[in-house]
Amino acid sequence: MRARLSGAEEPGLQIPLDPLRRLEQRVACNSRTLCMDATLTKLRVWPTWQKLKRIVVSAAHEDFATGARAEEFCQTLAKCLDRNCEIAKELWPVTELRTPKLRAIAAGEAAAADLVIISVHHAEALPAEVKSWMDLWLKHKGRRTTVLAALFDPLYLGSSSSMQAYLQGVAGKEHLEFLVRSEEKPED
């Protein structure tokens, strides 16, 4: 996997995260040794997250595969945090965001989230439902510190650069930390 962290401190940081390297990335944290996704520790909110007993995650995904990708990201996050930290997550299929009432509920959950994940397949643009959902939750976010994570298909399947640029622009405008991950091509 590839991860890119964008924020005021380290824009465009890119770190390879293939499965073998992930196993090698062991860091001491609060006298514990964890298998850790190195980009998570680079987030400005990471020190705060390490002290929390609960991290709220809201995710939008296109289908089973993108939902599984969001779930895997949450599992990685849980492994990196204190074992007493609960990951409270709501995963919303894009198809449910088409319904105004469900979109409003999902937007309310995202507005209260510490981490918002968008897990989609390659395309020229984000689905309209996702953009509408984002607009709605950002209106209600307030001053809450939030991380926006974009999870994309492997790079060899195509480019997500236009969606990434859009999300990075939104993150900059809304003062969100931005994290991008694309899976690596499997080794033959």
C-alpha atoms as a PDB file:
ATOM      1  CA  MET A   1       0.000   0.000   0.000  1.00  0.00           C
ATOM      2  CA  ARG A   2       1.043   3.604  -0.429  1.00  0.00           C
ATOM      3  CA  ALA A   3       0.161   6.267   2.024  1.00  0.00           C
ATOM      4  CA  ARG A   4       0.401   9.979   1.614  1.00  0.00           C
ATOM      5  CA  LEU A   5      -0.082  12.420   4.430  1.00  0.00           C
ATOM      6  CA  SER A   6      -0.767  16.027   3.667  1.00  0.00           C
ATOM      7  CA  GLY A   7      -0.906  18.745   6.238  1.00  0.00           C
ATOM      8  CA  ALA A   8       0.765  21.981   7.124  1.00  0.00           C
ATOM      9  CA  GLU A   9       3.828  20.230   8.519  1.00  0.00           C
ATOM     10  CA  GLU A  10       4.622  17.642   5.837  1.00  0.00           C
ATOM     11  CA  PRO A  11       2.714  18.130   2.592  1.00  0.00           C
ATOM     12  CA  GLY A  12       2.662  15.166   0.249  1.00  0.00           C
ATOM     13  CA  LEU A  13       4.634  12.748   2.412  1.00  0.00           C
ATOM     14  CA  GLN A  14       4.606   9.386   0.685  1.00  0.00           C
ATOM     15  CA  ILE A  15       5.593   6.180   2.445  1.00  0.00           C
ATOM     16  CA  PRO A  16       5.423   2.678   0.941  1.00  0.00           C
ATOM     17  CA  LEU A  17       3.331   0.342   3.058  1.00  0.00           C
ATOM     18  CA  ASP A  18       3.425  -3.028   1.384  1.00  0.00           C
ATOM     19  CA  PRO A  19       2.627  -5.987   3.642  1.00  0.00           C
ATOM     20  CA  LEU A  20       6.250  -6.986   4.256  1.00  0.00           C
ATOM     21  CA  ARG A  21       7.279  -3.478   5.223  1.00  0.00           C
ATOM     22  CA  ARG A  22       4.243  -3.159   7.458  1.00  0.00           C
ATOM     23  CA  LEU A  23       5.469  -6.153   9.440  1.00  0.00           C
ATOM     24  CA  GLU A  24       8.889  -4.508   9.763  1.00  0.00           C
ATOM     25  CA  GLN A  25       7.466  -1.216  11.023  1.00  0.00           C
ATOM     26  CA  ARG A  26       7.483  -1.817  14.744  1.00  0.00           C
ATOM     27  CA  VAL A  27       7.746   1.203  16.958  1.00  0.00           C
ATOM     28  CA  ALA A  28       7.814   1.672  20.684  1.00  0.00           C
ATOM     29  CA  CYS A  29       4.821   3.699  21.836  1.00  0.00           C
ATOM     30  CA  ASN A  30       3.981   4.272  25.493  1.00  0.00           C
ATOM     31  CA  SER A  31       6.272   1.366  26.453  1.00  0.00           C
ATOM     32  CA  ARG A  32       4.464  -0.927  24.007  1.00  0.00           C
ATOM     33  CA  THR A  33       5.663  -2.358  20.716  1.00  0.00           C
ATOM     34  CA  LEU A  34       3.086  -2.200  17.957  1.00  0.00           C
ATOM     35  CA  CYS A  35       2.888  -3.093  14.305  1.00  0.00           C
ATOM     36  CA  MET A  36       2.147   0.418  13.162  1.00  0.00           C
ATOM     37  CA  ASP A  37       1.225   2.217   9.986  1.00  0.00           C
ATOM     38  CA  ALA A  38       3.961   4.872  10.031  1.00  0.00           C
ATOM     39  CA  THR A  39       1.810   7.576   8.445  1.00  0.00           C
ATOM     40  CA  LEU A  40      -0.693   7.522  11.282  1.00  0.00           C
ATOM     41  CA  THR A  41       1.989   8.614  13.724  1.00  0.00           C
ATOM     42  CA  LYS A  42       2.779  11.612  11.483  1.00  0.00           C
ATOM     43  CA  LEU A  43      -0.707  13.061  11.861  1.00  0.00           C
ATOM     44  CA  ARG A  44      -0.818  16.219  13.985  1.00  0.00           C
ATOM     45  CA  VAL A  45      -3.769  14.725  15.886  1.00  0.00           C
ATOM     46  CA  TRP A  46      -1.930  11.484  16.681  1.00  0.00           C
ATOM     47  CA  PRO A  47      -0.772  12.517  20.193  1.00  0.00           C
ATOM     48  CA  THR A  48      -4.356  13.476  21.039  1.00  0.00           C
ATOM     49  CA  TRP A  49      -5.773  10.283  19.551  1.00  0.00           C
ATOM     50  CA  GLN A  50      -3.401   8.188  21.661  1.00  0.00           C
ATOM     51  CA  LYS A  51      -4.995   9.609  24.812  1.00  0.00           C
ATOM     52  CA  LEU A  52      -8.599   9.063  23.741  1.00  0.00           C
ATOM     53  CA  LYS A  53     -10.730   6.148  24.881  1.00  0.00           C
ATOM     54  CA  ARG A  54     -12.909   6.425  21.763  1.00  0.00           C
ATOM     55  CA  ILE A  55     -12.238   7.447  18.156  1.00  0.00           C
ATOM     56  CA  VAL A  56     -15.296   8.121  16.002  1.00  0.00           C
ATOM     57  CA  VAL A  57     -15.032   7.127  12.338  1.00  0.00           C
ATOM     58  CA  SER A  58     -17.489   7.810   9.544  1.00  0.00           C
ATOM     59  CA  ALA A  59     -16.888   6.276   6.126  1.00  0.00           C
ATOM     60  CA  ALA A  60     -18.477   6.332   2.689  1.00  0.00           C
ATOM     61  CA  HIS A  61     -17.732   3.422   0.363  1.00  0.00           C
ATOM     62  CA  GLU A  62     -18.889   2.240  -3.042  1.00  0.00           C
ATOM     63  CA  ASP A  63     -19.212  -1.510  -2.610  1.00  0.00           C
ATOM     64  CA  PHE A  64     -18.069  -4.551  -0.648  1.00  0.00           C
ATOM     65  CA  ALA A  65     -14.407  -4.204  -1.687  1.00  0.00           C
ATOM     66  CA  THR A  66     -14.162  -0.520  -0.791  1.00  0.00           C
ATOM     67  CA  GLY A  67     -16.054  -1.156   2.444  1.00  0.00           C
ATOM     68  CA  ALA A  68     -13.578  -3.902   3.334  1.00  0.00           C
ATOM     69  CA  ARG A  69     -10.734  -1.469   2.610  1.00  0.00           C
ATOM     70  CA  ALA A  70     -12.238   1.059   5.044  1.00  0.00           C
ATOM     71  CA  GLU A  71     -12.726  -1.680   7.647  1.00  0.00           C
ATOM     72  CA  GLU A  72      -9.084  -2.781   7.247  1.00  0.00           C
ATOM     73  CA  PHE A  73      -7.931   0.803   7.742  1.00  0.00           C
ATOM     74  CA  CYS A  74      -9.939   0.983  10.977  1.00  0.00           C
ATOM     75  CA  GLN A  75      -8.395  -2.294  12.153  1.00  0.00           C
ATOM     76  CA  THR A  76      -4.917  -0.881  11.484  1.00  0.00           C
ATOM     77  CA  LEU A  77      -5.827   2.230  13.437  1.00  0.00           C
ATOM     78  CA  ALA A  78      -7.095   0.104  16.346  1.00  0.00           C
ATOM     79  CA  LYS A  79      -3.817  -1.833  16.436  1.00  0.00           C
ATOM     80  CA  CYS A  80      -1.890   1.424  16.622  1.00  0.00           C
ATOM     81  CA  LEU A  81      -3.910   2.855  19.501  1.00  0.00           C
ATOM     82  CA  ASP A  82      -4.205   1.803  23.100  1.00  0.00           C
ATOM     83  CA  ARG A  83      -6.059  -1.473  23.386  1.00  0.00           C
ATOM     84  CA  ASN A  84      -8.607   0.303  25.581  1.00  0.00           C
ATOM     85  CA  CYS A  85      -9.491   2.738  22.793  1.00  0.00           C
ATOM     86  CA  GLU A  86     -12.777   1.937  21.078  1.00  0.00           C
ATOM     87  CA  ILE A  87     -13.131   2.587  17.341  1.00  0.00           C
ATOM     88  CA  ALA A  88     -16.779   3.585  16.854  1.00  0.00           C
ATOM     89  CA  LYS A  89     -17.465   3.443  13.130  1.00  0.00           C
ATOM     90  CA  GLU A  90     -20.321   3.942  10.756  1.00  0.00           C
ATOM     91  CA  LEU A  91     -19.813   2.770   7.178  1.00  0.00           C
ATOM     92  CA  TRP A  92     -22.199   4.186   4.599  1.00  0.00           C
ATOM     93  CA  PRO A  93     -22.594   2.673   1.134  1.00  0.00           C
ATOM     94  CA  VAL A  94     -22.734   5.410  -1.509  1.00  0.00           C
ATOM     95  CA  THR A  95     -26.110   4.081  -2.643  1.00  0.00           C
ATOM     96  CA  GLU A  96     -27.588   4.999   0.753  1.00  0.00           C
ATOM     97  CA  LEU A  97     -26.263   8.563   0.420  1.00  0.00           C
ATOM     98  CA  ARG A  98     -28.665   9.074  -2.511  1.00  0.00           C
ATOM     99  CA  THR A  99     -31.593   9.272  -0.098  1.00  0.00           C
ATOM    100  CA  PRO A 100     -31.756  12.775   1.434  1.00  0.00           C
ATOM    101  CA  LYS A 101     -32.789  11.539   4.903  1.00  0.00           C
ATOM    102  CA  LEU A 102     -30.010   8.940   5.046  1.00  0.00           C
ATOM    103  CA  ARG A 103     -27.493  11.431   3.642  1.00  0.00           C
ATOM    104  CA  ALA A 104     -28.458  13.869   6.424  1.00  0.00           C
ATOM    105  CA  ILE A 105     -27.993  11.166   9.082  1.00  0.00           C
ATOM    106  CA  ALA A 106     -24.623  10.177   7.599  1.00  0.00           C
ATOM    107  CA  ALA A 107     -23.565  13.834   7.426  1.00  0.00           C
ATOM    108  CA  GLY A 108     -24.453  14.320  11.085  1.00  0.00           C
ATOM    109  CA  GLU A 109     -22.320  11.326  12.014  1.00  0.00           C
ATOM    110  CA  ALA A 110     -19.426  12.613   9.902  1.00  0.00           C
ATOM    111  CA  ALA A 111     -19.684  16.051  11.521  1.00  0.00           C
ATOM    112  CA  ALA A 112     -19.089  14.370  14.903  1.00  0.00           C
ATOM    113  CA  ALA A 113     -16.272  12.113  13.629  1.00  0.00           C
ATOM    114  CA  ASP A 114     -12.569  12.276  14.371  1.00  0.00           C
ATOM    115  CA  LEU A 115     -11.825  10.491  11.101  1.00  0.00           C
ATOM    116  CA  VAL A 116     -13.817  10.586   7.873  1.00  0.00           C
ATOM    117  CA  ILE A 117     -12.931   7.954   5.266  1.00  0.00           C
ATOM    118  CA  ILE A 118     -13.826   7.992   1.592  1.00  0.00           C
ATOM    119  CA  SER A 119     -13.090   4.617   0.008  1.00  0.00           C
ATOM    120  CA  VAL A 120     -13.788   4.530  -3.717  1.00  0.00           C
ATOM    121  CA  HIS A 121     -12.694   2.976  -7.000  1.00  0.00           C
ATOM    122  CA  HIS A 122     -10.783   4.929  -9.646  1.00  0.00           C
ATOM    123  CA  ALA A 123     -12.855   7.453 -11.568  1.00  0.00           C
ATOM    124  CA  GLU A 124     -12.539  10.940 -12.998  1.00  0.00           C
ATOM    125  CA  ALA A 125     -14.590  12.377 -10.142  1.00  0.00           C
ATOM    126  CA  LEU A 126     -16.166  11.386  -6.866  1.00  0.00           C
ATOM    127  CA  PRO A 127     -19.744  10.188  -7.054  1.00  0.00           C
ATOM    128  CA  ALA A 128     -22.214  13.093  -6.776  1.00  0.00           C
ATOM    129  CA  GLU A 129     -23.711  11.504  -3.655  1.00  0.00           C
ATOM    130  CA  VAL A 130     -20.319  11.633  -1.911  1.00  0.00           C
ATOM    131  CA  LYS A 131     -19.814  15.293  -2.805  1.00  0.00           C
ATOM    132  CA  SER A 132     -23.304  16.169  -1.509  1.00  0.00           C
ATOM    133  CA  TRP A 133     -22.633  14.254   1.698  1.00  0.00           C
ATOM    134  CA  MET A 134     -19.286  16.016   2.147  1.00  0.00           C
ATOM    135  CA  ASP A 135     -20.831  19.448   1.609  1.00  0.00           C
ATOM    136  CA  LEU A 136     -23.485  18.677   4.195  1.00  0.00           C
ATOM    137  CA  TRP A 137     -21.170  17.340   6.900  1.00  0.00           C
ATOM    138  CA  LEU A 138     -18.626  20.116   6.406  1.00  0.00           C
ATOM    139  CA  LYS A 139     -21.365  22.716   7.029  1.00  0.00           C
ATOM    140  CA  HIS A 140     -21.983  21.124  10.432  1.00  0.00           C
ATOM    141  CA  LYS A 141     -18.410  20.210  11.391  1.00  0.00           C
ATOM    142  CA  GLY A 142     -17.678  23.305  13.412  1.00  0.00           C
ATOM    143  CA  ARG A 143     -14.190  23.621  14.889  1.00  0.00           C
ATOM    144  CA  ARG A 144     -13.758  19.893  15.427  1.00  0.00           C
ATOM    145  CA  THR A 145     -10.326  18.550  14.463  1.00  0.00           C
ATOM    146  CA  THR A 146     -10.932  15.976  11.747  1.00  0.00           C
ATOM    147  CA  VAL A 147      -8.778  13.796   9.524  1.00  0.00           C
ATOM    148  CA  LEU A 148      -9.981  13.062   5.987  1.00  0.00           C
ATOM    149  CA  ALA A 149      -8.669   9.764   4.614  1.00  0.00           C
ATOM    150  CA  ALA A 150      -8.994   8.799   0.955  1.00  0.00           C
ATOM    151  CA  LEU A 151      -8.581   5.101   0.196  1.00  0.00           C
ATOM    152  CA  PHE A 152      -8.118   4.213  -3.466  1.00  0.00           C
ATOM    153  CA  ASP A 153      -7.641   1.158  -5.680  1.00  0.00           C
ATOM    154  CA  PRO A 154      -4.152  -0.051  -6.565  1.00  0.00           C
ATOM    155  CA  LEU A 155      -2.286   2.392  -8.794  1.00  0.00           C
ATOM    156  CA  TYR A 156      -1.855  -0.190 -11.562  1.00  0.00           C
ATOM    157  CA  LEU A 157      -5.637  -0.187 -12.076  1.00  0.00           C
ATOM    158  CA  GLY A 158      -5.727   3.508 -12.925  1.00  0.00           C
ATOM    159  CA  SER A 159      -5.300   6.965 -11.554  1.00  0.00           C
ATOM    160  CA  SER A 160      -7.307   8.654  -8.832  1.00  0.00           C
ATOM    161  CA  SER A 161      -5.394  11.910  -9.197  1.00  0.00           C
ATOM    162  CA  SER A 162      -8.425  14.086  -9.973  1.00  0.00           C
ATOM    163  CA  MET A 163     -10.344  12.762  -6.955  1.00  0.00           C
ATOM    164  CA  GLN A 164      -7.244  13.097  -4.810  1.00  0.00           C
ATOM    165  CA  ALA A 165      -6.738  16.704  -5.923  1.00  0.00           C
ATOM    166  CA  TYR A 166     -10.383  17.496  -5.180  1.00  0.00           C
ATOM    167  CA  LEU A 167     -10.225  15.938  -1.697  1.00  0.00           C
ATOM    168  CA  GLN A 168      -6.896  17.590  -0.930  1.00  0.00           C
ATOM    169  CA  GLY A 169      -8.398  20.941  -1.936  1.00  0.00           C
ATOM    170  CA  VAL A 170     -11.387  20.380   0.342  1.00  0.00           C
ATOM    171  CA  ALA A 171      -9.075  19.341   3.187  1.00  0.00           C
ATOM    172  CA  GLY A 172      -6.974  22.478   2.765  1.00  0.00           C
ATOM    173  CA  LYS A 173      -9.993  24.767   2.596  1.00  0.00           C
ATOM    174  CA  GLU A 174     -11.647  23.161   5.620  1.00  0.00           C
ATOM    175  CA  HIS A 175      -8.415  22.810   7.657  1.00  0.00           C
ATOM    176  CA  LEU A 176      -8.567  19.016   7.759  1.00  0.00           C
ATOM    177  CA  GLU A 177      -5.549  16.752   7.879  1.00  0.00           C
ATOM    178  CA  PHE A 178      -5.467  14.659   4.717  1.00  0.00           C
ATOM    179  CA  LEU A 179      -4.262  11.096   4.312  1.00  0.00           C
ATOM    180  CA  VAL A 180      -4.233   9.171   1.023  1.00  0.00           C
ATOM    181  CA  ARG A 181      -3.671   5.450   0.579  1.00  0.00           C
ATOM    182  CA  SER A 182      -3.516   3.382  -2.575  1.00  0.00           C
ATOM    183  CA  GLU A 183      -2.834  -0.307  -2.537  1.00  0.00           C
ATOM    184  CA  GLU A 184       0.322  -1.602  -4.204  1.00  0.00           C
ATOM    185  CA  LYS A 185       0.356  -4.054  -7.071  1.00  0.00           C
ATOM    186  CA  PRO A 186       0.613  -7.583  -5.662  1.00  0.00           C
ATOM    187  CA  GLU A 187       4.005  -9.245  -6.073  1.00  0.00           C
ATOM    188  CA  ASP A 188       4.100 -12.085  -8.623  1.00  0.00           C
END
